[in-house]
Protein backbone atom coordinates (compact mmCIF):
# COMPACT_ATOMS: atom_id res chain seq x y z
CA MET A 1 -6.04 -20.63 -4.45
CA GLN A 2 -5.95 -22.23 -1.00
CA GLY A 3 -2.70 -20.39 -0.26
CA LEU A 4 -4.34 -17.06 -1.15
CA LEU A 5 -7.36 -17.88 1.00
CA ALA A 6 -5.00 -18.70 3.89
CA LEU A 7 -3.39 -15.28 3.35
CA SER A 8 -6.85 -13.68 3.40
CA ARG A 9 -7.70 -15.43 6.68
CA GLY A 10 -4.37 -14.23 8.14
CA ILE A 11 -5.12 -10.66 7.08
CA ASP A 12 -8.58 -10.93 8.63
CA ARG A 13 -7.05 -12.11 11.93
CA LEU A 14 -4.65 -9.16 11.91
CA LEU A 15 -7.50 -6.75 11.18
CA ARG A 16 -9.49 -8.27 14.05
CA ILE A 17 -6.56 -7.59 16.41
CA PHE A 18 -6.44 -3.96 15.33
CA ALA A 19 -10.23 -3.66 15.66
CA THR A 20 -9.97 -4.99 19.21
CA MET A 21 -7.41 -2.29 19.96
CA GLY A 22 -9.83 0.26 18.49
CA GLY A 23 -12.58 -1.13 20.70
CA TRP A 24 -10.40 -0.67 23.78
CA MET A 25 -9.73 2.90 22.65
CA GLY A 26 -13.50 3.39 22.54
CA ALA A 27 -13.82 2.10 26.10
CA LEU A 28 -10.96 4.35 27.22
CA LEU A 29 -12.63 7.25 25.41
CA VAL A 30 -15.76 6.80 27.53
CA LEU A 31 -13.67 6.86 30.71
CA VAL A 32 -11.70 9.94 29.63
CA VAL A 33 -14.90 11.82 28.73
CA CYS A 34 -16.39 10.92 32.13
CA TYR A 35 -13.19 12.05 33.85
CA ASP A 36 -13.23 15.29 31.86
CA VAL A 37 -16.85 16.02 32.81
CA ILE A 38 -16.31 15.20 36.48
CA THR A 39 -13.19 17.33 36.80
CA ARG A 40 -14.65 20.24 34.87
CA TYR A 41 -18.19 20.44 36.25
CA PHE A 42 -17.75 19.12 39.77
CA GLY A 43 -14.54 20.95 40.63
CA VAL A 44 -12.40 17.86 41.08
CA PRO A 45 -8.76 18.91 40.75
CA LYS A 46 -6.70 17.48 37.93
CA PRO A 47 -3.32 15.85 38.58
CA ALA A 48 -0.26 18.02 38.10
CA GLY A 49 0.44 18.88 34.49
CA LEU A 50 -2.98 17.98 33.07
CA ASN A 51 -5.50 20.54 31.90
CA SER A 52 -8.90 20.47 30.19
CA THR A 53 -7.44 21.25 26.76
CA MET A 54 -5.07 18.29 26.96
CA ILE A 55 -7.85 15.98 28.06
CA GLN A 56 -10.18 17.15 25.27
CA GLU A 57 -7.47 16.78 22.64
CA PHE A 58 -6.74 13.29 23.96
CA GLU A 59 -10.43 12.51 23.46
CA TYR A 60 -10.04 13.43 19.77
CA TRP A 61 -6.97 11.22 19.56
CA LEU A 62 -8.83 8.26 21.06
CA HIS A 63 -11.81 8.80 18.78
CA SER A 64 -9.49 8.92 15.77
CA GLY A 65 -7.73 5.76 16.92
CA LEU A 66 -11.02 3.94 17.30
CA ILE A 67 -11.95 4.72 13.69
CA VAL A 68 -8.47 4.09 12.29
CA PHE A 69 -8.06 0.70 13.91
CA ALA A 70 -11.60 -0.51 13.21
CA ILE A 71 -12.06 0.53 9.57
CA GLY A 72 -10.28 -2.41 7.94
CA TYR A 73 -12.11 -5.01 10.00
CA ALA A 74 -15.41 -3.21 9.44
CA TYR A 75 -14.86 -3.47 5.70
CA THR A 76 -14.25 -7.22 5.88
CA ARG A 77 -17.49 -7.58 7.88
CA ASN A 78 -19.46 -5.58 5.25
CA ALA A 79 -20.24 -2.85 7.76
CA HIS A 80 -20.15 -0.21 5.04
CA VAL A 81 -22.67 1.38 2.71
CA ARG A 82 -23.88 -0.68 -0.21
CA ILE A 83 -26.76 -0.34 -2.63
CA ASP A 84 -28.47 -3.47 -1.36
CA LEU A 85 -31.67 -2.68 -3.24
CA LEU A 86 -29.94 -3.73 -6.47
CA ARG A 87 -27.28 -6.06 -5.13
CA ASP A 88 -29.64 -8.47 -3.35
CA ASN A 89 -31.14 -9.52 -6.69
CA PHE A 90 -27.77 -10.43 -8.24
CA SER A 91 -26.35 -13.93 -8.39
CA ASN A 92 -23.36 -14.67 -6.16
CA ARG A 93 -21.10 -14.81 -9.21
CA ARG A 94 -22.20 -11.32 -10.29
CA LYS A 95 -21.68 -10.05 -6.73
CA HIS A 96 -18.14 -11.47 -6.79
CA ILE A 97 -17.41 -9.81 -10.14
CA ILE A 98 -18.72 -6.43 -8.99
CA GLU A 99 -16.77 -6.67 -5.72
CA PHE A 100 -13.60 -7.70 -7.56
CA ILE A 101 -13.86 -4.82 -10.04
CA GLY A 102 -14.74 -2.28 -7.33
CA ILE A 103 -11.80 -3.29 -5.17
CA SER A 104 -9.44 -3.35 -8.17
CA VAL A 105 -10.35 0.06 -9.59
CA ALA A 106 -11.42 1.97 -6.49
CA LEU A 107 -10.45 0.64 -3.06
CA ILE A 108 -6.89 -0.51 -3.69
CA PRO A 109 -5.85 2.55 -5.73
CA TYR A 110 -7.61 4.87 -3.24
CA SER A 111 -5.76 3.28 -0.32
CA VAL A 112 -2.38 3.49 -2.04
CA ILE A 113 -2.92 7.12 -3.11
CA GLY A 114 -4.23 8.06 0.36
CA PHE A 115 -1.16 6.54 2.00
CA TRP A 116 1.18 8.20 -0.49
CA LEU A 117 -0.42 11.63 -0.08
CA SER A 118 -0.55 11.38 3.73
CA TRP A 119 3.10 10.46 4.15
CA PRO A 120 4.55 13.99 3.58
CA PHE A 121 2.19 15.50 6.18
CA VAL A 122 3.14 12.94 8.81
CA LYS A 123 6.84 13.29 7.99
CA GLN A 124 6.72 17.10 8.14
CA SER A 125 4.81 17.01 11.41
CA PHE A 126 7.44 14.69 12.92
CA ILE A 127 10.43 16.65 11.63
CA SER A 128 9.03 20.00 12.75
CA GLY A 129 7.99 18.72 16.18
CA GLU A 130 4.44 19.97 15.54
CA ILE A 131 2.39 20.70 18.64
CA SER A 132 -1.18 21.71 19.31
CA LYS A 133 -2.31 25.16 18.22
CA SER A 134 -3.43 25.69 21.81
CA GLN A 135 -0.63 26.72 24.13
CA THR A 136 -1.90 24.28 26.73
CA GLY A 137 -2.54 21.41 24.30
CA LEU A 138 -0.73 18.20 23.46
CA SER A 139 2.58 17.86 21.66
CA ASN A 140 3.70 15.21 19.14
CA LEU A 141 0.84 15.72 16.70
CA TRP A 142 2.64 13.44 14.27
CA ILE A 143 1.22 10.52 16.26
CA VAL A 144 -2.38 11.35 15.45
CA LYS A 145 -1.45 12.25 11.86
CA ALA A 146 0.29 8.88 11.50
CA GLY A 147 -3.17 7.44 12.03
CA LEU A 148 -3.85 8.30 8.39
CA LEU A 149 -1.02 6.01 7.32
CA VAL A 150 -2.36 3.22 9.52
CA LEU A 151 -5.90 3.79 8.26
CA PHE A 152 -4.93 3.53 4.60
CA ALA A 153 -2.67 0.52 5.27
CA LEU A 154 -5.43 -1.36 7.11
CA LEU A 155 -7.96 -0.43 4.43
CA LEU A 156 -5.54 -1.72 1.77
CA LEU A 157 -5.11 -4.99 3.66
CA ALA A 158 -8.89 -5.35 3.99
CA GLY A 159 -9.24 -4.70 0.26
CA ILE A 160 -6.65 -7.34 -0.56
CA SER A 161 -8.40 -9.86 1.69
CA GLN A 162 -11.80 -9.19 0.12
CA TRP A 163 -10.24 -9.17 -3.37
CA ILE A 164 -8.86 -12.67 -2.74
CA LYS A 165 -12.24 -13.87 -1.51
CA SER A 166 -13.98 -12.38 -4.54
CA LEU A 167 -11.48 -14.03 -6.87
CA ALA A 168 -12.03 -17.34 -5.09
CA GLY A 169 -15.78 -16.87 -5.38
CA MET A 170 -15.60 -16.13 -9.11
CA THR A 171 -13.62 -19.32 -9.65
CA GLY A 172 -15.91 -21.42 -7.42
CA ASN A 173 -13.37 -21.92 -4.64
CA LEU A 174 -15.39 -20.50 -1.73
CA SER A 175 -17.48 -22.71 0.50
CA ALA A 176 -21.12 -21.82 1.16
CA ALA A 177 -20.20 -20.66 4.67
CA GLU A 178 -17.45 -18.41 3.31
CA GLU A 179 -19.85 -16.94 0.75
CA ASP A 180 -22.43 -16.27 3.46
CA GLU A 181 -19.78 -14.52 5.52
CA LEU A 182 -18.58 -12.54 2.53
CA PHE A 183 -22.05 -11.38 1.52
CA GLY A 184 -23.88 -11.54 4.83
CA GLY A 185 -22.05 -8.75 6.58
CA GLY A 186 -21.97 -7.73 10.18
CA HIS A 187 -24.54 -4.94 10.33
């Protein structure tokens, strides 16, 4: 069990790295939006080759990246919707069982199916050289579509990490601090 918990901690570290990248995308998004507003409403010229459509589409890309890279870490920090009204009254063992079952029958299959169904769209976008529908927009749309693959992969990793922790909790192999972290969340 200690080996599995070490794997879970490794996954959590990886997810934290991706979440940090997503956070930097959020900071860059703020700067790009400010740049867009300044150049559009105050008449500041844009550098050669850039236009408002490209900048706005890049804002969507950054926003997507922020969500994609942060979702796995957010799940491991319990920053997702739960029915706490019922859950708070359950014993830790029951919470572990419910989490284990939920991850086994919902999260892991959902992540695998999402990845599998997204792959053809990303592949077709790459092969066809898909570009923006706007004539002055960005090219290489496969990059933003590949975010779906990353999202489902990170969500799967987060599910595996939480699944391991729930299994350890059901068998009494989690410390009190680890249980608090597992159930406490990061709201």
